[in-house]
Amino acid sequence: MVTFQAFITLALGLAALVVSTIIQIRVNQAYDYFNGYSESIGKSLIITMWTFTSFLIVFGLMGVIGSLKKIKCLLFLYNITNFIGFAAFLIFGITALVVGAKIDHLSNDTCLTAGDWSTNLTDTYVVADQVFCQAGCQCYIKDPTLAVNNSLTNYTTISTSKNVIRVQDCPGININEYQTQANFLNFAETTFSCAGWCSGQTYYTFSDVNSIVPQSGNGGCYKKTIGWFANNAYLLGEVSMGIMGVLGLFMVFTCCLCFHKDKPQGNFYARMAYYDEQN
């Protein structure tokens, strides 16, 4: 039974490794902007996620090696860690779900009152709109109708190797001053297919002006971004609660195996380090 539990635990750890890797890849681009803001609580969740994933893998390896090699010290640590892991994943799962709900609640707030990070992104769009496809920054637009409908006055339809299709490439803007914001907005536009921040627009500013903004994306990137962060927090919470449930079952099995009246008697260590000789 202990060997079976240990292999299941190790499998959970490897599954958590896959989930953690996917989430890490998805949020890497966004962290460059959110560093330094109070919303970096999301980064704390990611660090905790990797800590718990490593814990689960080590936990499973202790059980597997201890049960196969009949090493009582490892079996004792495995069974004790089962209780600790149950409590830890319960706390982490609840925390992640609460953080997800807190982030999700921001979608009900007005964009400009969400925090300085949101205000700065709005200001970045304002500065970009004053430069992009305006005097001093001629952009390349394939469809002149797009330019006419959005008051983009300085553009060309002739394709060259020096064509400007995003504001970051404009010679008339000191993009270094807005580098992190521009990187994040490029990430938002390309990831969520949205344009604008608090209010939407029908063309992309920080990715490719010639790409078509879908109807669902011209309401702005604010709510889509908030929803994305909330969903990642919810995913962490749900996975943690699932692992907690499995560890809860293992706790019951451990108590039945180690403290059953028909099992050999002894002190706490001897009971918690018990293994079936036939295992």
Protein backbone atom coordinates (compact mmCIF):
# COMPACT_ATOMS: atom_id res chain seq x y z
CA MET A 1 0.00 0.00 0.00
CA VAL A 2 2.80 2.44 0.92
CA THR A 3 4.57 1.79 -2.38
CA PHE A 4 1.36 2.43 -4.31
CA GLN A 5 0.75 5.68 -2.41
CA ALA A 6 4.32 6.80 -3.01
CA PHE A 7 4.13 6.20 -6.76
CA ILE A 8 0.82 8.11 -6.90
CA THR A 9 2.45 10.97 -4.98
CA LEU A 10 5.41 11.00 -7.37
CA ALA A 11 3.00 10.99 -10.33
CA LEU A 12 1.17 13.97 -8.81
CA GLY A 13 4.51 15.74 -8.44
CA LEU A 14 5.38 15.17 -12.10
CA ALA A 15 1.89 16.32 -13.15
CA ALA A 16 2.35 19.44 -11.00
CA LEU A 17 5.69 19.98 -12.73
CA VAL A 18 3.95 20.02 -16.12
CA VAL A 19 1.23 22.41 -14.89
CA SER A 20 3.82 24.68 -13.24
CA THR A 21 5.88 24.82 -16.43
CA ILE A 22 2.83 25.72 -18.52
CA ILE A 23 1.79 28.48 -16.13
CA GLN A 24 5.35 29.81 -15.89
CA ILE A 25 5.65 30.05 -19.67
CA ARG A 26 2.30 31.84 -19.88
CA VAL A 27 3.17 34.53 -17.35
CA ASN A 28 6.87 35.15 -18.03
CA GLN A 29 6.23 37.98 -20.49
CA ALA A 30 3.83 39.73 -18.15
CA TYR A 31 6.10 39.77 -15.09
CA ASP A 32 8.55 42.25 -16.61
CA TYR A 33 5.90 44.93 -16.22
CA PHE A 34 4.28 43.91 -12.95
CA ASN A 35 7.57 43.74 -11.04
CA GLY A 36 7.73 46.59 -8.57
CA TYR A 37 3.98 46.90 -8.14
CA SER A 38 1.82 45.58 -5.32
CA GLU A 39 0.24 43.18 -7.78
CA SER A 40 3.52 41.21 -7.68
CA ILE A 41 1.65 38.98 -5.21
CA GLY A 42 1.11 36.92 -8.37
CA LYS A 43 4.86 36.37 -8.52
CA SER A 44 4.81 35.14 -4.93
CA LEU A 45 2.20 32.59 -5.94
CA ILE A 46 4.43 31.35 -8.76
CA ILE A 47 7.42 30.97 -6.42
CA THR A 48 5.23 29.10 -3.95
CA MET A 49 3.93 26.94 -6.79
CA TRP A 50 7.46 25.81 -7.69
CA THR A 51 8.29 25.23 -4.02
CA PHE A 52 5.26 22.98 -3.60
CA THR A 53 5.96 21.15 -6.86
CA SER A 54 9.52 20.39 -5.75
CA PHE A 55 8.20 19.36 -2.33
CA LEU A 56 5.74 16.92 -3.93
CA ILE A 57 8.42 15.29 -6.11
CA VAL A 58 10.86 14.90 -3.19
CA PHE A 59 7.97 13.66 -1.04
CA GLY A 60 7.10 10.99 -3.62
CA LEU A 61 10.73 9.92 -4.05
CA MET A 62 11.10 9.46 -0.29
CA GLY A 63 8.10 7.16 -0.26
CA VAL A 64 9.16 5.17 -3.32
CA ILE A 65 12.76 4.64 -2.14
CA GLY A 66 11.71 4.03 1.47
CA SER A 67 9.10 1.42 0.58
CA LEU A 68 11.17 -0.40 -2.04
CA LYS A 69 14.38 -0.41 0.02
CA LYS A 70 12.58 -0.85 3.37
CA ILE A 71 14.32 2.23 4.81
CA LYS A 72 12.41 3.09 7.98
CA CYS A 73 13.75 6.64 8.25
CA LEU A 74 12.42 7.53 4.79
CA LEU A 75 9.11 5.80 5.48
CA PHE A 76 8.74 7.79 8.69
CA LEU A 77 9.51 11.05 6.88
CA TYR A 78 7.14 10.13 4.04
CA ASN A 79 4.22 9.43 6.36
CA ILE A 80 4.84 12.55 8.47
CA THR A 81 5.23 14.68 5.34
CA ASN A 82 1.86 13.38 4.15
CA PHE A 83 0.17 15.25 7.02
CA ILE A 84 2.29 18.35 6.45
CA GLY A 85 1.59 18.27 2.71
CA PHE A 86 -2.16 18.01 3.29
CA ALA A 87 -2.15 21.15 5.43
CA ALA A 88 0.24 23.01 3.11
CA PHE A 89 -1.72 22.33 -0.08
CA LEU A 90 -4.97 23.18 1.69
CA ILE A 91 -3.58 26.58 2.71
CA PHE A 92 -1.98 27.24 -0.69
CA GLY A 93 -5.11 26.17 -2.55
CA ILE A 94 -7.35 28.45 -0.52
CA THR A 95 -4.86 31.31 -0.88
CA ALA A 96 -4.67 30.92 -4.66
CA LEU A 97 -8.47 30.84 -4.96
CA VAL A 98 -8.78 33.95 -2.79
CA VAL A 99 -6.14 35.76 -4.84
CA GLY A 100 -7.94 34.71 -8.03
CA ALA A 101 -11.21 36.09 -6.69
CA LYS A 102 -9.45 39.32 -5.66
CA ILE A 103 -7.95 39.76 -9.12
CA ASP A 104 -11.24 38.82 -10.77
CA HIS A 105 -12.98 41.50 -8.72
CA LEU A 106 -10.81 44.13 -10.44
CA SER A 107 -12.79 43.54 -13.61
CA ASN A 108 -15.76 45.12 -11.85
CA ASP A 109 -13.78 48.27 -11.08
CA THR A 110 -13.24 51.11 -13.48
CA CYS A 111 -9.97 50.77 -15.31
CA LEU A 112 -8.41 54.00 -14.04
CA THR A 113 -9.03 53.19 -10.36
CA ALA A 114 -7.49 49.71 -10.49
CA GLY A 115 -4.04 51.04 -9.54
CA ASP A 116 -1.00 52.93 -10.79
CA TRP A 117 -0.07 50.04 -13.08
CA SER A 118 -3.33 50.46 -15.00
CA THR A 119 -3.08 54.25 -15.13
CA ASN A 120 0.46 54.01 -16.52
CA LEU A 121 -0.71 51.69 -19.28
CA THR A 122 -3.48 54.11 -20.17
CA ASP A 123 -0.97 56.97 -20.31
CA THR A 124 1.27 54.86 -22.56
CA TYR A 125 -1.56 54.47 -25.07
CA VAL A 126 -2.18 58.23 -24.97
CA VAL A 127 1.48 58.97 -25.75
CA ALA A 128 1.55 56.31 -28.48
CA ASP A 129 -1.58 57.69 -30.17
CA GLN A 130 0.07 61.12 -30.36
CA VAL A 131 3.04 59.67 -32.27
CA PHE A 132 2.02 56.55 -34.16
CA CYS A 133 1.03 57.26 -37.78
CA GLN A 134 1.17 60.99 -37.01
CA ALA A 135 3.69 63.70 -37.83
CA GLY A 136 7.20 62.38 -37.32
CA CYS A 137 6.26 58.71 -37.57
CA GLN A 138 4.99 57.48 -40.90
CA CYS A 139 3.55 53.99 -40.64
CA TYR A 140 2.84 51.33 -43.25
CA ILE A 141 -0.86 50.52 -43.67
CA LYS A 142 -2.10 48.06 -46.24
CA ASP A 143 -5.73 49.24 -46.16
CA PRO A 144 -6.15 53.04 -46.39
CA THR A 145 -9.67 52.70 -44.98
CA LEU A 146 -8.17 51.75 -41.63
CA ALA A 147 -6.14 54.96 -41.59
CA VAL A 148 -9.08 57.16 -42.62
CA ASN A 149 -11.47 55.65 -40.07
CA ASN A 150 -8.99 56.10 -37.21
CA SER A 151 -7.49 59.49 -38.10
CA LEU A 152 -4.08 58.02 -38.85
CA THR A 153 -2.80 60.87 -40.98
CA ASN A 154 0.79 59.94 -41.74
CA TYR A 155 1.00 56.61 -43.52
CA THR A 156 2.13 54.91 -46.69
CA THR A 157 0.79 51.93 -48.60
CA ILE A 158 4.15 51.23 -50.24
CA SER A 159 5.98 48.31 -48.67
CA THR A 160 9.69 48.77 -47.90
CA SER A 161 12.21 47.19 -45.56
CA LYS A 162 11.94 50.22 -43.24
CA ASN A 163 8.17 50.17 -42.81
CA VAL A 164 6.87 50.98 -39.34
CA ILE A 165 3.96 48.79 -38.21
CA ARG A 166 4.11 49.39 -34.44
CA VAL A 167 4.81 52.42 -32.30
CA GLN A 168 7.99 50.95 -30.78
CA ASP A 169 9.69 51.39 -34.16
CA CYS A 170 8.80 55.06 -34.50
CA PRO A 171 11.87 57.31 -34.67
CA GLY A 172 9.94 60.11 -33.00
CA ILE A 173 9.32 58.39 -29.65
CA ASN A 174 11.70 57.78 -26.78
CA ILE A 175 10.54 54.20 -26.34
CA ASN A 176 13.10 53.55 -23.59
CA GLU A 177 10.95 55.64 -21.26
CA TYR A 178 7.99 53.31 -21.89
CA GLN A 179 9.85 50.08 -22.61
CA THR A 180 8.23 47.87 -19.95
CA GLN A 181 4.75 49.22 -20.67
CA ALA A 182 5.23 48.76 -24.42
CA ASN A 183 6.45 45.19 -23.94
CA PHE A 184 3.46 44.36 -21.78
CA LEU A 185 0.96 45.94 -24.16
CA ASN A 186 2.55 44.06 -27.05
CA PHE A 187 2.07 40.90 -25.00
CA ALA A 188 -1.56 41.81 -24.29
CA GLU A 189 -2.39 42.63 -27.91
CA THR A 190 -0.83 39.47 -29.33
CA THR A 191 -2.02 37.13 -26.57
CA PHE A 192 -5.59 38.34 -26.10
CA SER A 193 -6.25 39.81 -29.58
CA CYS A 194 -7.36 43.09 -28.05
CA ALA A 195 -6.58 46.74 -28.74
CA GLY A 196 -6.66 49.72 -26.40
CA TRP A 197 -6.51 49.52 -22.62
CA CYS A 198 -9.41 51.09 -20.72
CA SER A 199 -11.31 51.82 -23.92
CA GLY A 200 -11.03 49.80 -27.08
CA GLN A 201 -9.86 50.71 -30.55
CA THR A 202 -10.00 49.01 -33.93
CA TYR A 203 -6.28 48.77 -34.69
CA TYR A 204 -3.18 47.50 -32.93
CA THR A 205 -0.60 50.00 -31.73
CA PHE A 206 2.09 47.87 -30.09
CA SER A 207 2.09 44.74 -32.30
CA ASP A 208 1.04 44.99 -35.98
CA VAL A 209 -1.30 47.74 -37.14
CA ASN A 210 -2.25 45.68 -40.19
CA SER A 211 -3.53 42.70 -38.24
CA ILE A 212 -7.29 42.60 -37.86
CA VAL A 213 -8.69 43.22 -34.38
CA PRO A 214 -11.61 40.83 -33.79
CA GLN A 215 -14.93 42.21 -32.60
CA SER A 216 -14.39 40.63 -29.20
CA GLY A 217 -11.08 42.45 -28.80
CA ASN A 218 -11.98 46.04 -29.59
CA GLY A 219 -13.36 46.63 -26.10
CA GLY A 220 -9.86 47.09 -24.68
CA CYS A 221 -7.30 44.78 -23.05
CA TYR A 222 -7.98 45.61 -19.40
CA LYS A 223 -10.70 43.06 -18.63
CA LYS A 224 -9.09 40.37 -20.78
CA THR A 225 -5.78 40.79 -18.93
CA ILE A 226 -7.42 40.75 -15.51
CA GLY A 227 -9.39 37.64 -16.45
CA TRP A 228 -6.22 35.91 -17.63
CA PHE A 229 -4.38 36.50 -14.35
CA ALA A 230 -7.45 35.44 -12.37
CA ASN A 231 -7.80 32.22 -14.37
CA ASN A 232 -4.17 31.31 -13.70
CA ALA A 233 -4.68 31.84 -9.97
CA TYR A 234 -7.86 29.75 -10.07
CA LEU A 235 -5.98 26.99 -11.90
CA LEU A 236 -3.30 26.94 -9.20
CA GLY A 237 -5.97 26.79 -6.51
CA GLU A 238 -7.96 24.01 -8.16
CA VAL A 239 -4.87 21.87 -8.78
CA SER A 240 -3.73 22.39 -5.18
CA MET A 241 -7.13 21.46 -3.78
CA GLY A 242 -7.13 18.32 -5.93
CA ILE A 243 -3.70 17.30 -4.62
CA MET A 244 -4.89 18.09 -1.09
CA GLY A 245 -7.81 15.70 -1.57
CA VAL A 246 -5.51 12.87 -2.65
CA LEU A 247 -3.16 13.50 0.29
CA GLY A 248 -6.20 13.49 2.58
CA LEU A 249 -7.01 9.96 1.42
CA PHE A 250 -3.40 8.97 1.98
CA MET A 251 -3.63 10.31 5.54
CA VAL A 252 -6.55 7.97 6.20
CA PHE A 253 -4.64 5.03 4.70
CA THR A 254 -1.57 5.92 6.80
CA CYS A 255 -3.57 5.97 10.01
CA CYS A 256 -5.24 2.66 9.15
CA LEU A 257 -1.93 1.04 8.18
CA CYS A 258 0.24 2.33 11.02
CA PHE A 259 -2.18 2.44 13.93
CA HIS A 260 -4.47 -0.53 13.31
CA LYS A 261 -4.81 -2.73 16.40
CA ASP A 262 -3.56 -5.78 14.49
CA LYS A 263 -0.31 -4.09 13.51
CA PRO A 264 2.87 -4.44 15.60
CA GLN A 265 2.88 -2.14 18.61
CA GLY A 266 5.64 0.34 19.39
CA ASN A 267 6.43 4.01 19.82
CA PHE A 268 5.30 6.70 17.40
CA TYR A 269 8.40 6.38 15.22
CA ALA A 270 8.06 2.60 14.95
CA ARG A 271 4.40 2.88 13.98
CA MET A 272 4.95 5.64 11.41
CA ALA A 273 7.89 3.76 9.87
CA TYR A 274 5.95 0.53 9.52
CA TYR A 275 5.99 -1.41 6.25
CA ASP A 276 4.41 -4.68 5.20
CA GLU A 277 7.05 -7.38 5.01
CA GLN A 278 5.18 -8.85 2.07
CA ASN A 279 5.12 -5.52 0.22
